[in-house]
């Protein structure tokens, strides 16, 4: 199946809502998602750290990494890969597209 067909797209924010290197929390149903604007490109990951329940959107961006505000675990924003302990599990990332001023996030269909 085509990856694009397996996604359900949701409008979650406007481009004007995003600040460079400042995470923004959004919600799609029960799913908490963090949006990031890095060098003009928008990314989306789970907003919850894989180590303990902490909101990554409250963390600090350095380059392409987000640092968890609770225990300083770091994740690569474009891929979700763990870059620093204490986290050992990657975080999910989501497809993003911009339609006009709308930021759209694709979440897998059930």
PDB file of N, CA and C in Angstrom:
ATOM      1  N   UNK A   1       0.844  -1.177   0.000  1.00  0.00           N
ATOM      2  CA  UNK A   1       0.000   0.000   0.000  1.00  0.00           C
ATOM      3  C   UNK A   1       0.890   1.241   0.000  1.00  0.00           C
ATOM      4  N   UNK A   2       0.502   2.230  -0.737  1.00  0.00           N
ATOM      5  CA  UNK A   2       1.225   3.496  -0.793  1.00  0.00           C
ATOM      6  C   UNK A   2       1.167   4.179   0.569  1.00  0.00           C
ATOM      7  N   UNK A   3       2.328   4.641   1.064  1.00  0.00           N
ATOM      8  CA  UNK A   3       2.396   5.276   2.373  1.00  0.00           C
ATOM      9  C   UNK A   3       1.423   6.450   2.465  1.00  0.00           C
ATOM     10  N   UNK A   4       1.310   7.235   1.412  1.00  0.00           N
ATOM     11  CA  UNK A   4       0.416   8.397   1.396  1.00  0.00           C
ATOM     12  C   UNK A   4      -1.032   7.961   1.636  1.00  0.00           C
ATOM     13  N   UNK A   5      -1.432   6.828   1.097  1.00  0.00           N
ATOM     14  CA  UNK A   5      -2.808   6.364   1.251  1.00  0.00           C
ATOM     15  C   UNK A   5      -3.085   5.865   2.659  1.00  0.00           C
ATOM     16  N   UNK A   6      -2.055   5.516   3.409  1.00  0.00           N
ATOM     17  CA  UNK A   6      -2.232   4.972   4.747  1.00  0.00           C
ATOM     18  C   UNK A   6      -2.280   6.071   5.813  1.00  0.00           C
ATOM     19  N   UNK A   7      -2.258   7.334   5.399  1.00  0.00           N
ATOM     20  CA  UNK A   7      -2.253   8.441   6.342  1.00  0.00           C
ATOM     21  C   UNK A   7      -3.564   9.202   6.313  1.00  0.00           C
ATOM     22  N   UNK A   8      -3.931   9.708   7.469  1.00  0.00           N
ATOM     23  CA  UNK A   8      -5.069  10.609   7.590  1.00  0.00           C
ATOM     24  C   UNK A   8      -4.495  11.981   7.937  1.00  0.00           C
ATOM     25  N   UNK A   9      -4.797  12.974   7.115  1.00  0.00           N
ATOM     26  CA  UNK A   9      -4.190  14.303   7.268  1.00  0.00           C
ATOM     27  C   UNK A   9      -5.068  15.214   8.106  1.00  0.00           C
ATOM     28  N   UNK A  10      -4.413  15.970   9.007  1.00  0.00           N
ATOM     29  CA  UNK A  10      -5.109  16.892   9.905  1.00  0.00           C
ATOM     30  C   UNK A  10      -4.436  18.254   9.858  1.00  0.00           C
ATOM     31  N   UNK A  11      -5.235  19.304   9.760  1.00  0.00           N
ATOM     32  CA  UNK A  11      -4.717  20.666   9.859  1.00  0.00           C
ATOM     33  C   UNK A  11      -4.525  20.965  11.340  1.00  0.00           C
ATOM     34  N   UNK A  12      -3.288  21.297  11.740  1.00  0.00           N
ATOM     35  CA  UNK A  12      -2.997  21.445  13.169  1.00  0.00           C
ATOM     36  C   UNK A  12      -2.531  22.837  13.576  1.00  0.00           C
ATOM     37  N   UNK A  13      -2.064  23.632  12.618  1.00  0.00           N
ATOM     38  CA  UNK A  13      -1.548  24.969  12.946  1.00  0.00           C
ATOM     39  C   UNK A  13      -1.393  25.761  11.656  1.00  0.00           C
ATOM     40  N   UNK A  14      -1.070  27.028  11.815  1.00  0.00           N
ATOM     41  CA  UNK A  14      -0.775  27.910  10.683  1.00  0.00           C
ATOM     42  C   UNK A  14       0.726  28.193  10.674  1.00  0.00           C
ATOM     43  N   UNK A  15       1.270  28.391   9.488  1.00  0.00           N
ATOM     44  CA  UNK A  15       2.694  28.724   9.372  1.00  0.00           C
ATOM     45  C   UNK A  15       3.046  29.913  10.259  1.00  0.00           C
ATOM     46  N   UNK A  16       2.168  30.913  10.314  1.00  0.00           N
ATOM     47  CA  UNK A  16       2.425  32.100  11.127  1.00  0.00           C
ATOM     48  C   UNK A  16       2.481  31.826  12.620  1.00  0.00           C
ATOM     49  N   UNK A  17       1.962  30.640  13.056  1.00  0.00           N
ATOM     50  CA  UNK A  17       2.012  30.258  14.471  1.00  0.00           C
ATOM     51  C   UNK A  17       3.380  29.741  14.888  1.00  0.00           C
ATOM     52  N   UNK A  18       4.206  29.391  13.899  1.00  0.00           N
ATOM     53  CA  UNK A  18       5.478  28.724  14.189  1.00  0.00           C
ATOM     54  C   UNK A  18       6.621  29.731  14.274  1.00  0.00           C
ATOM     55  N   UNK A  19       7.447  29.554  15.283  1.00  0.00           N
ATOM     56  CA  UNK A  19       8.668  30.345  15.440  1.00  0.00           C
ATOM     57  C   UNK A  19       9.856  29.420  15.235  1.00  0.00           C
ATOM     58  N   UNK A  20      10.870  29.924  14.589  1.00  0.00           N
ATOM     59  CA  UNK A  20      12.085  29.143  14.358  1.00  0.00           C
ATOM     60  C   UNK A  20      12.647  28.671  15.702  1.00  0.00           C
ATOM     61  N   UNK A  21      12.946  27.395  15.786  1.00  0.00           N
ATOM     62  CA  UNK A  21      13.573  26.776  16.961  1.00  0.00           C
ATOM     63  C   UNK A  21      12.749  26.878  18.245  1.00  0.00           C
ATOM     64  N   UNK A  22      11.416  27.010  18.119  1.00  0.00           N
ATOM     65  CA  UNK A  22      10.524  26.981  19.282  1.00  0.00           C
ATOM     66  C   UNK A  22       9.472  25.899  19.050  1.00  0.00           C
ATOM     67  N   UNK A  23       9.513  24.797  19.807  1.00  0.00           N
ATOM     68  CA  UNK A  23       8.524  23.731  19.615  1.00  0.00           C
ATOM     69  C   UNK A  23       7.112  24.233  19.911  1.00  0.00           C
ATOM     70  N   UNK A  24       6.142  23.623  19.230  1.00  0.00           N
ATOM     71  CA  UNK A  24       4.736  23.981  19.444  1.00  0.00           C
ATOM     72  C   UNK A  24       3.940  22.698  19.673  1.00  0.00           C
ATOM     73  N   UNK A  25       3.224  22.600  20.806  1.00  0.00           N
ATOM     74  CA  UNK A  25       2.398  21.418  21.049  1.00  0.00           C
ATOM     75  C   UNK A  25       1.077  21.507  20.291  1.00  0.00           C
ATOM     76  N   UNK A  26       0.646  20.378  19.733  1.00  0.00           N
ATOM     77  CA  UNK A  26      -0.664  20.275  19.101  1.00  0.00           C
ATOM     78  C   UNK A  26      -1.250  18.916  19.473  1.00  0.00           C
ATOM     79  N   UNK A  27      -2.515  18.749  19.200  1.00  0.00           N
ATOM     80  CA  UNK A  27      -3.197  17.490  19.531  1.00  0.00           C
ATOM     81  C   UNK A  27      -4.015  17.044  18.333  1.00  0.00           C
ATOM     82  N   UNK A  28      -3.942  15.759  18.052  1.00  0.00           N
ATOM     83  CA  UNK A  28      -4.823  15.136  17.064  1.00  0.00           C
ATOM     84  C   UNK A  28      -5.521  13.997  17.800  1.00  0.00           C
ATOM     85  N   UNK A  29      -6.790  14.197  18.145  1.00  0.00           N
ATOM     86  CA  UNK A  29      -7.505  13.226  18.975  1.00  0.00           C
ATOM     87  C   UNK A  29      -6.808  13.115  20.321  1.00  0.00           C
ATOM     88  N   UNK A  30      -6.411  11.894  20.688  1.00  0.00           N
ATOM     89  CA  UNK A  30      -5.713  11.669  21.951  1.00  0.00           C
ATOM     90  C   UNK A  30      -4.198  11.759  21.794  1.00  0.00           C
ATOM     91  N   UNK A  31      -3.731  11.960  20.570  1.00  0.00           N
ATOM     92  CA  UNK A  31      -2.289  11.953  20.308  1.00  0.00           C
ATOM     93  C   UNK A  31      -1.703  13.347  20.510  1.00  0.00           C
ATOM     94  N   UNK A  32      -0.653  13.409  21.336  1.00  0.00           N
ATOM     95  CA  UNK A  32       0.064  14.658  21.582  1.00  0.00           C
ATOM     96  C   UNK A  32       1.257  14.718  20.633  1.00  0.00           C
ATOM     97  N   UNK A  33       1.344  15.813  19.892  1.00  0.00           N
ATOM     98  CA  UNK A  33       2.370  15.963  18.856  1.00  0.00           C
ATOM     99  C   UNK A  33       3.092  17.281  19.073  1.00  0.00           C
ATOM    100  N   UNK A  34       4.392  17.278  18.812  1.00  0.00           N
ATOM    101  CA  UNK A  34       5.185  18.507  18.861  1.00  0.00           C
ATOM    102  C   UNK A  34       5.562  18.885  17.436  1.00  0.00           C
ATOM    103  N   UNK A  35       5.372  20.156  17.097  1.00  0.00           N
ATOM    104  CA  UNK A  35       5.797  20.695  15.806  1.00  0.00           C
ATOM    105  C   UNK A  35       7.078  21.500  16.015  1.00  0.00           C
ATOM    106  N   UNK A  36       7.929  21.486  15.008  1.00  0.00           N
ATOM    107  CA  UNK A  36       9.192  22.211  15.061  1.00  0.00           C
ATOM    108  C   UNK A  36       9.405  22.917  13.729  1.00  0.00           C
ATOM    109  N   UNK A  37       9.994  24.095  13.779  1.00  0.00           N
ATOM    110  CA  UNK A  37      10.392  24.798  12.557  1.00  0.00           C
ATOM    111  C   UNK A  37      11.902  24.998  12.643  1.00  0.00           C
ATOM    112  N   UNK A  38      12.610  24.305  11.748  1.00  0.00           N
ATOM    113  CA  UNK A  38      14.067  24.360  11.732  1.00  0.00           C
ATOM    114  C   UNK A  38      14.505  24.735  10.325  1.00  0.00           C
ATOM    115  N   UNK A  39      15.218  25.833  10.199  1.00  0.00           N
ATOM    116  CA  UNK A  39      15.665  26.330   8.896  1.00  0.00           C
ATOM    117  C   UNK A  39      14.498  26.438   7.912  1.00  0.00           C
ATOM    118  N   UNK A  40      13.338  26.857   8.425  1.00  0.00           N
ATOM    119  CA  UNK A  40      12.171  27.066   7.583  1.00  0.00           C
ATOM    120  C   UNK A  40      11.361  25.828   7.288  1.00  0.00           C
ATOM    121  N   UNK A  41      11.840  24.639   7.658  1.00  0.00           N
ATOM    122  CA  UNK A  41      11.114  23.392   7.399  1.00  0.00           C
ATOM    123  C   UNK A  41      10.366  22.959   8.662  1.00  0.00           C
ATOM    124  N   UNK A  42       9.163  22.402   8.463  1.00  0.00           N
ATOM    125  CA  UNK A  42       8.333  21.970   9.589  1.00  0.00           C
ATOM    126  C   UNK A  42       8.468  20.457   9.777  1.00  0.00           C
ATOM    127  N   UNK A  43       8.627  20.048  11.036  1.00  0.00           N
ATOM    128  CA  UNK A  43       8.719  18.636  11.413  1.00  0.00           C
ATOM    129  C   UNK A  43       7.694  18.358  12.502  1.00  0.00           C
ATOM    130  N   UNK A  44       7.338  17.074  12.663  1.00  0.00           N
ATOM    131  CA  UNK A  44       6.415  16.668  13.725  1.00  0.00           C
ATOM    132  C   UNK A  44       6.886  15.360  14.339  1.00  0.00           C
ATOM    133  N   UNK A  45       6.855  15.309  15.687  1.00  0.00           N
ATOM    134  CA  UNK A  45       7.173  14.087  16.425  1.00  0.00           C
ATOM    135  C   UNK A  45       6.121  13.900  17.512  1.00  0.00           C
ATOM    136  N   UNK A  46       6.144  12.725  18.144  1.00  0.00           N
ATOM    137  CA  UNK A  46       5.381  12.576  19.375  1.00  0.00           C
ATOM    138  C   UNK A  46       5.853  13.663  20.330  1.00  0.00           C
ATOM    139  N   UNK A  47       4.954  14.164  21.146  1.00  0.00           N
ATOM    140  CA  UNK A  47       5.329  15.207  22.100  1.00  0.00           C
ATOM    141  C   UNK A  47       5.801  14.609  23.424  1.00  0.00           C
ATOM    142  N   UNK A  48       5.634  13.312  23.608  1.00  0.00           N
ATOM    143  CA  UNK A  48       5.970  12.678  24.870  1.00  0.00           C
ATOM    144  C   UNK A  48       7.304  11.945  24.741  1.00  0.00           C
ATOM    145  N   UNK A  49       8.211  12.233  25.664  1.00  0.00           N
ATOM    146  CA  UNK A  49       9.516  11.575  25.696  1.00  0.00           C
ATOM    147  C   UNK A  49       9.321  10.072  25.888  1.00  0.00           C
ATOM    148  N   UNK A  50      10.146   9.263  25.235  1.00  0.00           N
ATOM    149  CA  UNK A  50      10.039   7.811  25.351  1.00  0.00           C
ATOM    150  C   UNK A  50      10.631   7.290  26.661  1.00  0.00           C
ATOM    151  N   UNK A  51      11.334   8.127  27.403  1.00  0.00           N
ATOM    152  CA  UNK A  51      11.943   7.708  28.671  1.00  0.00           C
ATOM    153  C   UNK A  51      10.955   7.816  29.829  1.00  0.00           C
ATOM    154  N   UNK A  52      10.389   8.995  30.016  1.00  0.00           N
ATOM    155  CA  UNK A  52       9.383   9.230  31.048  1.00  0.00           C
ATOM    156  C   UNK A  52       8.398  10.243  30.516  1.00  0.00           C
ATOM    157  N   UNK A  53       7.260  10.359  31.177  1.00  0.00           N
ATOM    158  CA  UNK A  53       6.237  11.267  30.667  1.00  0.00           C
ATOM    159  C   UNK A  53       6.682  12.712  30.865  1.00  0.00           C
ATOM    160  N   UNK A  54       7.161  13.307  29.804  1.00  0.00           N
ATOM    161  CA  UNK A  54       7.550  14.714  29.782  1.00  0.00           C
ATOM    162  C   UNK A  54       7.235  15.235  28.390  1.00  0.00           C
ATOM    163  N   UNK A  55       6.848  16.495  28.316  1.00  0.00           N
ATOM    164  CA  UNK A  55       6.469  17.085  27.043  1.00  0.00           C
ATOM    165  C   UNK A  55       7.701  17.644  26.336  1.00  0.00           C
ATOM    166  N   UNK A  56       8.017  17.062  25.185  1.00  0.00           N
ATOM    167  CA  UNK A  56       9.173  17.531  24.424  1.00  0.00           C
ATOM    168  C   UNK A  56       8.983  18.967  23.935  1.00  0.00           C
ATOM    169  N   UNK A  57       7.731  19.372  23.741  1.00  0.00           N
ATOM    170  CA  UNK A  57       7.478  20.749  23.294  1.00  0.00           C
ATOM    171  C   UNK A  57       7.878  21.778  24.356  1.00  0.00           C
ATOM    172  N   UNK A  58       8.178  21.323  25.556  1.00  0.00           N
ATOM    173  CA  UNK A  58       8.679  22.206  26.611  1.00  0.00           C
ATOM    174  C   UNK A  58      10.206  22.148  26.695  1.00  0.00           C
ATOM    175  N   UNK A  59      10.816  21.389  25.785  1.00  0.00           N
ATOM    176  CA  UNK A  59      12.262  21.212  25.785  1.00  0.00           C
ATOM    177  C   UNK A  59      12.979  22.264  24.966  1.00  0.00           C
ATOM    178  N   UNK A  60      14.237  22.006  24.714  1.00  0.00           N
ATOM    179  CA  UNK A  60      15.112  22.957  24.045  1.00  0.00           C
ATOM    180  C   UNK A  60      15.628  22.379  22.736  1.00  0.00           C
ATOM    181  N   UNK A  61      15.560  23.165  21.676  1.00  0.00           N
ATOM    182  CA  UNK A  61      16.079  22.753  20.383  1.00  0.00           C
ATOM    183  C   UNK A  61      17.512  23.242  20.245  1.00  0.00           C
ATOM    184  N   UNK A  62      18.377  22.322  19.836  1.00  0.00           N
ATOM    185  CA  UNK A  62      19.747  22.683  19.494  1.00  0.00           C
ATOM    186  C   UNK A  62      20.063  21.994  18.174  1.00  0.00           C
ATOM    187  N   UNK A  63      20.240  22.794  17.131  1.00  0.00           N
ATOM    188  CA  UNK A  63      20.443  22.217  15.801  1.00  0.00           C
ATOM    189  C   UNK A  63      19.185  21.484  15.382  1.00  0.00           C
ATOM    190  N   UNK A  64      19.327  20.178  15.094  1.00  0.00           N
ATOM    191  CA  UNK A  64      18.175  19.347  14.717  1.00  0.00           C
ATOM    192  C   UNK A  64      17.762  18.413  15.846  1.00  0.00           C
ATOM    193  N   UNK A  65      18.134  18.741  17.071  1.00  0.00           N
ATOM    194  CA  UNK A  65      17.800  17.893  18.210  1.00  0.00           C
ATOM    195  C   UNK A  65      16.896  18.624  19.191  1.00  0.00           C
ATOM    196  N   UNK A  66      16.013  17.839  19.836  1.00  0.00           N
ATOM    197  CA  UNK A  66      15.187  18.349  20.916  1.00  0.00           C
ATOM    198  C   UNK A  66      15.667  17.681  22.199  1.00  0.00           C
ATOM    199  N   UNK A  67      15.833  18.488  23.242  1.00  0.00           N
ATOM    200  CA  UNK A  67      16.256  17.970  24.539  1.00  0.00           C
ATOM    201  C   UNK A  67      15.060  17.944  25.468  1.00  0.00           C
ATOM    202  N   UNK A  68      14.817  16.795  26.067  1.00  0.00           N
ATOM    203  CA  UNK A  68      13.712  16.641  26.997  1.00  0.00           C
ATOM    204  C   UNK A  68      13.963  17.515  28.231  1.00  0.00           C
ATOM    205  N   UNK A  69      12.943  18.256  28.687  1.00  0.00           N
ATOM    206  CA  UNK A  69      13.134  19.139  29.835  1.00  0.00           C
ATOM    207  C   UNK A  69      13.267  18.398  31.165  1.00  0.00           C
ATOM    208  N   UNK A  70      12.917  17.116  31.221  1.00  0.00           N
ATOM    209  CA  UNK A  70      12.925  16.389  32.489  1.00  0.00           C
ATOM    210  C   UNK A  70      14.291  15.790  32.817  1.00  0.00           C
ATOM    211  N   UNK A  71      14.841  14.960  31.927  1.00  0.00           N
ATOM    212  CA  UNK A  71      16.115  14.282  32.208  1.00  0.00           C
ATOM    213  C   UNK A  71      17.159  14.490  31.122  1.00  0.00           C
ATOM    214  N   UNK A  72      16.938  15.428  30.222  1.00  0.00           N
ATOM    215  CA  UNK A  72      17.887  15.826  29.185  1.00  0.00           C
ATOM    216  C   UNK A  72      18.185  14.738  28.139  1.00  0.00           C
ATOM    217  N   UNK A  73      17.278  13.786  27.958  1.00  0.00           N
ATOM    218  CA  UNK A  73      17.407  12.883  26.813  1.00  0.00           C
ATOM    219  C   UNK A  73      17.296  13.751  25.559  1.00  0.00           C
ATOM    220  N   UNK A  74      17.971  13.357  24.470  1.00  0.00           N
ATOM    221  CA  UNK A  74      17.896  14.132  23.226  1.00  0.00           C
ATOM    222  C   UNK A  74      17.487  13.220  22.082  1.00  0.00           C
ATOM    223  N   UNK A  75      16.727  13.822  21.141  1.00  0.00           N
ATOM    224  CA  UNK A  75      16.225  13.106  19.979  1.00  0.00           C
ATOM    225  C   UNK A  75      16.491  13.922  18.726  1.00  0.00           C
ATOM    226  N   UNK A  76      16.803  13.229  17.630  1.00  0.00           N
ATOM    227  CA  UNK A  76      16.962  13.870  16.326  1.00  0.00           C
ATOM    228  C   UNK A  76      15.561  14.138  15.788  1.00  0.00           C
ATOM    229  N   UNK A  77      15.219  15.401  15.601  1.00  0.00           N
ATOM    230  CA  UNK A  77      13.855  15.774  15.220  1.00  0.00           C
ATOM    231  C   UNK A  77      13.422  15.169  13.879  1.00  0.00           C
ATOM    232  N   UNK A  78      14.224  15.243  12.809  1.00  0.00           N
ATOM    233  CA  UNK A  78      13.744  14.681  11.537  1.00  0.00           C
ATOM    234  C   UNK A  78      13.490  13.174  11.558  1.00  0.00           C
ATOM    235  N   UNK A  79      14.217  12.409  12.393  1.00  0.00           N
ATOM    236  CA  UNK A  79      14.090  10.950  12.370  1.00  0.00           C
ATOM    237  C   UNK A  79      13.513  10.348  13.641  1.00  0.00           C
ATOM    238  N   UNK A  80      13.512  11.108  14.740  1.00  0.00           N
ATOM    239  CA  UNK A  80      13.046  10.588  16.022  1.00  0.00           C
ATOM    240  C   UNK A  80      14.063   9.732  16.757  1.00  0.00           C
ATOM    241  N   UNK A  81      15.250   9.592  16.208  1.00  0.00           N
ATOM    242  CA  UNK A  81      16.272   8.730  16.818  1.00  0.00           C
ATOM    243  C   UNK A  81      16.803   9.312  18.122  1.00  0.00           C
ATOM    244  N   UNK A  82      17.014   8.417  19.104  1.00  0.00           N
ATOM    245  CA  UNK A  82      17.615   8.813  20.373  1.00  0.00           C
ATOM    246  C   UNK A  82      19.052   9.244  20.106  1.00  0.00           C
ATOM    247  N   UNK A  83      19.442  10.374  20.690  1.00  0.00           N
ATOM    248  CA  UNK A  83      20.815  10.869  20.564  1.00  0.00           C
ATOM    249  C   UNK A  83      21.531  10.949  21.902  1.00  0.00           C
ATOM    250  N   UNK A  84      20.789  10.886  23.011  1.00  0.00           N
ATOM    251  CA  UNK A  84      21.427  10.927  24.332  1.00  0.00           C
ATOM    252  C   UNK A  84      20.540  10.241  25.366  1.00  0.00           C
ATOM    253  N   UNK A  85      21.188   9.517  26.287  1.00  0.00           N
ATOM    254  CA  UNK A  85      20.507   8.852  27.390  1.00  0.00           C
ATOM    255  C   UNK A  85      19.911   9.918  28.315  1.00  0.00           C
ATOM    256  N   UNK A  86      18.950   9.563  29.132  1.00  0.00           N
ATOM    257  CA  UNK A  86      18.588   8.213  29.529  1.00  0.00           C
ATOM    258  C   UNK A  86      17.593   7.508  28.601  1.00  0.00           C
ATOM    259  N   UNK A  87      17.055   8.177  27.609  1.00  0.00           N
ATOM    260  CA  UNK A  87      16.126   7.508  26.681  1.00  0.00           C
ATOM    261  C   UNK A  87      16.871   6.438  25.886  1.00  0.00           C
ATOM    262  N   UNK A  88      16.171   5.343  25.604  1.00  0.00           N
ATOM    263  CA  UNK A  88      16.736   4.271  24.780  1.00  0.00           C
ATOM    264  C   UNK A  88      15.848   3.951  23.583  1.00  0.00           C
ATOM    265  N   UNK A  89      14.619   4.461  23.588  1.00  0.00           N
ATOM    266  CA  UNK A  89      13.679   4.214  22.488  1.00  0.00           C
ATOM    267  C   UNK A  89      13.496   5.474  21.661  1.00  0.00           C
ATOM    268  N   UNK A  90      13.496   5.307  20.335  1.00  0.00           N
ATOM    269  CA  UNK A  90      13.214   6.416  19.427  1.00  0.00           C
ATOM    270  C   UNK A  90      11.776   6.888  19.639  1.00  0.00           C
ATOM    271  N   UNK A  91      11.487   8.099  19.196  1.00  0.00           N
ATOM    272  CA  UNK A  91      10.112   8.609  19.244  1.00  0.00           C
ATOM    273  C   UNK A  91       9.530   8.603  17.831  1.00  0.00           C
ATOM    274  N   UNK A  92       8.223   8.402  17.708  1.00  0.00           N
ATOM    275  CA  UNK A  92       7.609   8.424  16.382  1.00  0.00           C
ATOM    276  C   UNK A  92       7.686   9.818  15.747  1.00  0.00           C
ATOM    277  N   UNK A  93       7.842   9.822  14.437  1.00  0.00           N
ATOM    278  CA  UNK A  93       7.773  11.061  13.663  1.00  0.00           C
ATOM    279  C   UNK A  93       6.567  10.957  12.731  1.00  0.00           C
ATOM    280  N   UNK A  94       6.137  12.095  12.218  1.00  0.00           N
ATOM    281  CA  UNK A  94       4.957  12.142  11.371  1.00  0.00           C
ATOM    282  C   UNK A  94       5.242  12.941  10.116  1.00  0.00           C
ATOM    283  N   UNK A  95       4.593  12.562   9.037  1.00  0.00           N
ATOM    284  CA  UNK A  95       4.707  13.299   7.784  1.00  0.00           C
ATOM    285  C   UNK A  95       4.037  14.655   7.938  1.00  0.00           C
ATOM    286  N   UNK A  96       4.636  15.661   7.325  1.00  0.00           N
ATOM    287  CA  UNK A  96       4.114  17.026   7.385  1.00  0.00           C
ATOM    288  C   UNK A  96       4.049  17.578   5.972  1.00  0.00           C
ATOM    289  N   UNK A  97       2.994  18.310   5.685  1.00  0.00           N
ATOM    290  CA  UNK A  97       2.920  19.069   4.445  1.00  0.00           C
ATOM    291  C   UNK A  97       2.266  20.406   4.748  1.00  0.00           C
ATOM    292  N   UNK A  98       2.581  21.382   3.927  1.00  0.00           N
ATOM    293  CA  UNK A  98       2.023  22.715   4.101  1.00  0.00           C
ATOM    294  C   UNK A  98       1.117  22.986   2.910  1.00  0.00           C
ATOM    295  N   UNK A  99      -0.122  23.343   3.194  1.00  0.00           N
ATOM    296  CA  UNK A  99      -1.102  23.687   2.164  1.00  0.00           C
ATOM    297  C   UNK A  99      -1.526  25.132   2.411  1.00  0.00           C
ATOM    298  N   UNK A 100      -1.013  26.029   1.592  1.00  0.00           N
ATOM    299  CA  UNK A 100      -1.270  27.447   1.825  1.00  0.00           C
ATOM    300  C   UNK A 100      -0.605  27.852   3.127  1.00  0.00           C
ATOM    301  N   UNK A 101      -1.410  28.310   4.080  1.00  0.00           N
ATOM    302  CA  UNK A 101      -0.897  28.681   5.407  1.00  0.00           C
ATOM    303  C   UNK A 101      -1.065  27.553   6.428  1.00  0.00           C
ATOM    304  N   UNK A 102      -1.742  26.459   6.035  1.00  0.00           N
ATOM    305  CA  UNK A 102      -2.053  25.375   6.958  1.00  0.00           C
ATOM    306  C   UNK A 102      -0.946  24.343   7.026  1.00  0.00           C
ATOM    307  N   UNK A 103      -0.587  23.982   8.263  1.00  0.00           N
ATOM    308  CA  UNK A 103       0.338  22.868   8.493  1.00  0.00           C
ATOM    309  C   UNK A 103      -0.504  21.625   8.685  1.00  0.00           C
ATOM    310  N   UNK A 104      -0.256  20.636   7.852  1.00  0.00           N
ATOM    311  CA  UNK A 104      -0.991  19.373   7.887  1.00  0.00           C
ATOM    312  C   UNK A 104      -0.062  18.275   8.398  1.00  0.00           C
ATOM    313  N   UNK A 105      -0.558  17.446   9.328  1.00  0.00           N
ATOM    314  CA  UNK A 105       0.198  16.318   9.848  1.00  0.00           C
ATOM    315  C   UNK A 105      -0.546  15.047   9.478  1.00  0.00           C
ATOM    316  N   UNK A 106       0.205  14.087   8.938  1.00  0.00           N
ATOM    317  CA  UNK A 106      -0.368  12.796   8.566  1.00  0.00           C
ATOM    318  C   UNK A 106      -0.143  11.770   9.653  1.00  0.00           C
ATOM    319  N   UNK A 107      -1.236  11.209  10.152  1.00  0.00           N
ATOM    320  CA  UNK A 107      -1.128  10.140  11.146  1.00  0.00           C
ATOM    321  C   UNK A 107      -1.643   8.852  10.518  1.00  0.00           C
ATOM    322  N   UNK A 108      -1.059   7.719  10.902  1.00  0.00           N
ATOM    323  CA  UNK A 108      -1.485   6.450  10.310  1.00  0.00           C
ATOM    324  C   UNK A 108      -2.960   6.183  10.570  1.00  0.00           C
ATOM    325  N   UNK A 109      -3.630   5.662   9.552  1.00  0.00           N
ATOM    326  CA  UNK A 109      -5.037   5.278   9.729  1.00  0.00           C
ATOM    327  C   UNK A 109      -5.083   3.961  10.494  1.00  0.00           C
ATOM    328  N   UNK A 110      -6.177   3.748  11.150  1.00  0.00           N
ATOM    329  CA  UNK A 110      -6.294   2.537  11.975  1.00  0.00           C
ATOM    330  C   UNK A 110      -6.786   1.381  11.171  1.00  0.00           C
TER     331      UNK A 110
END
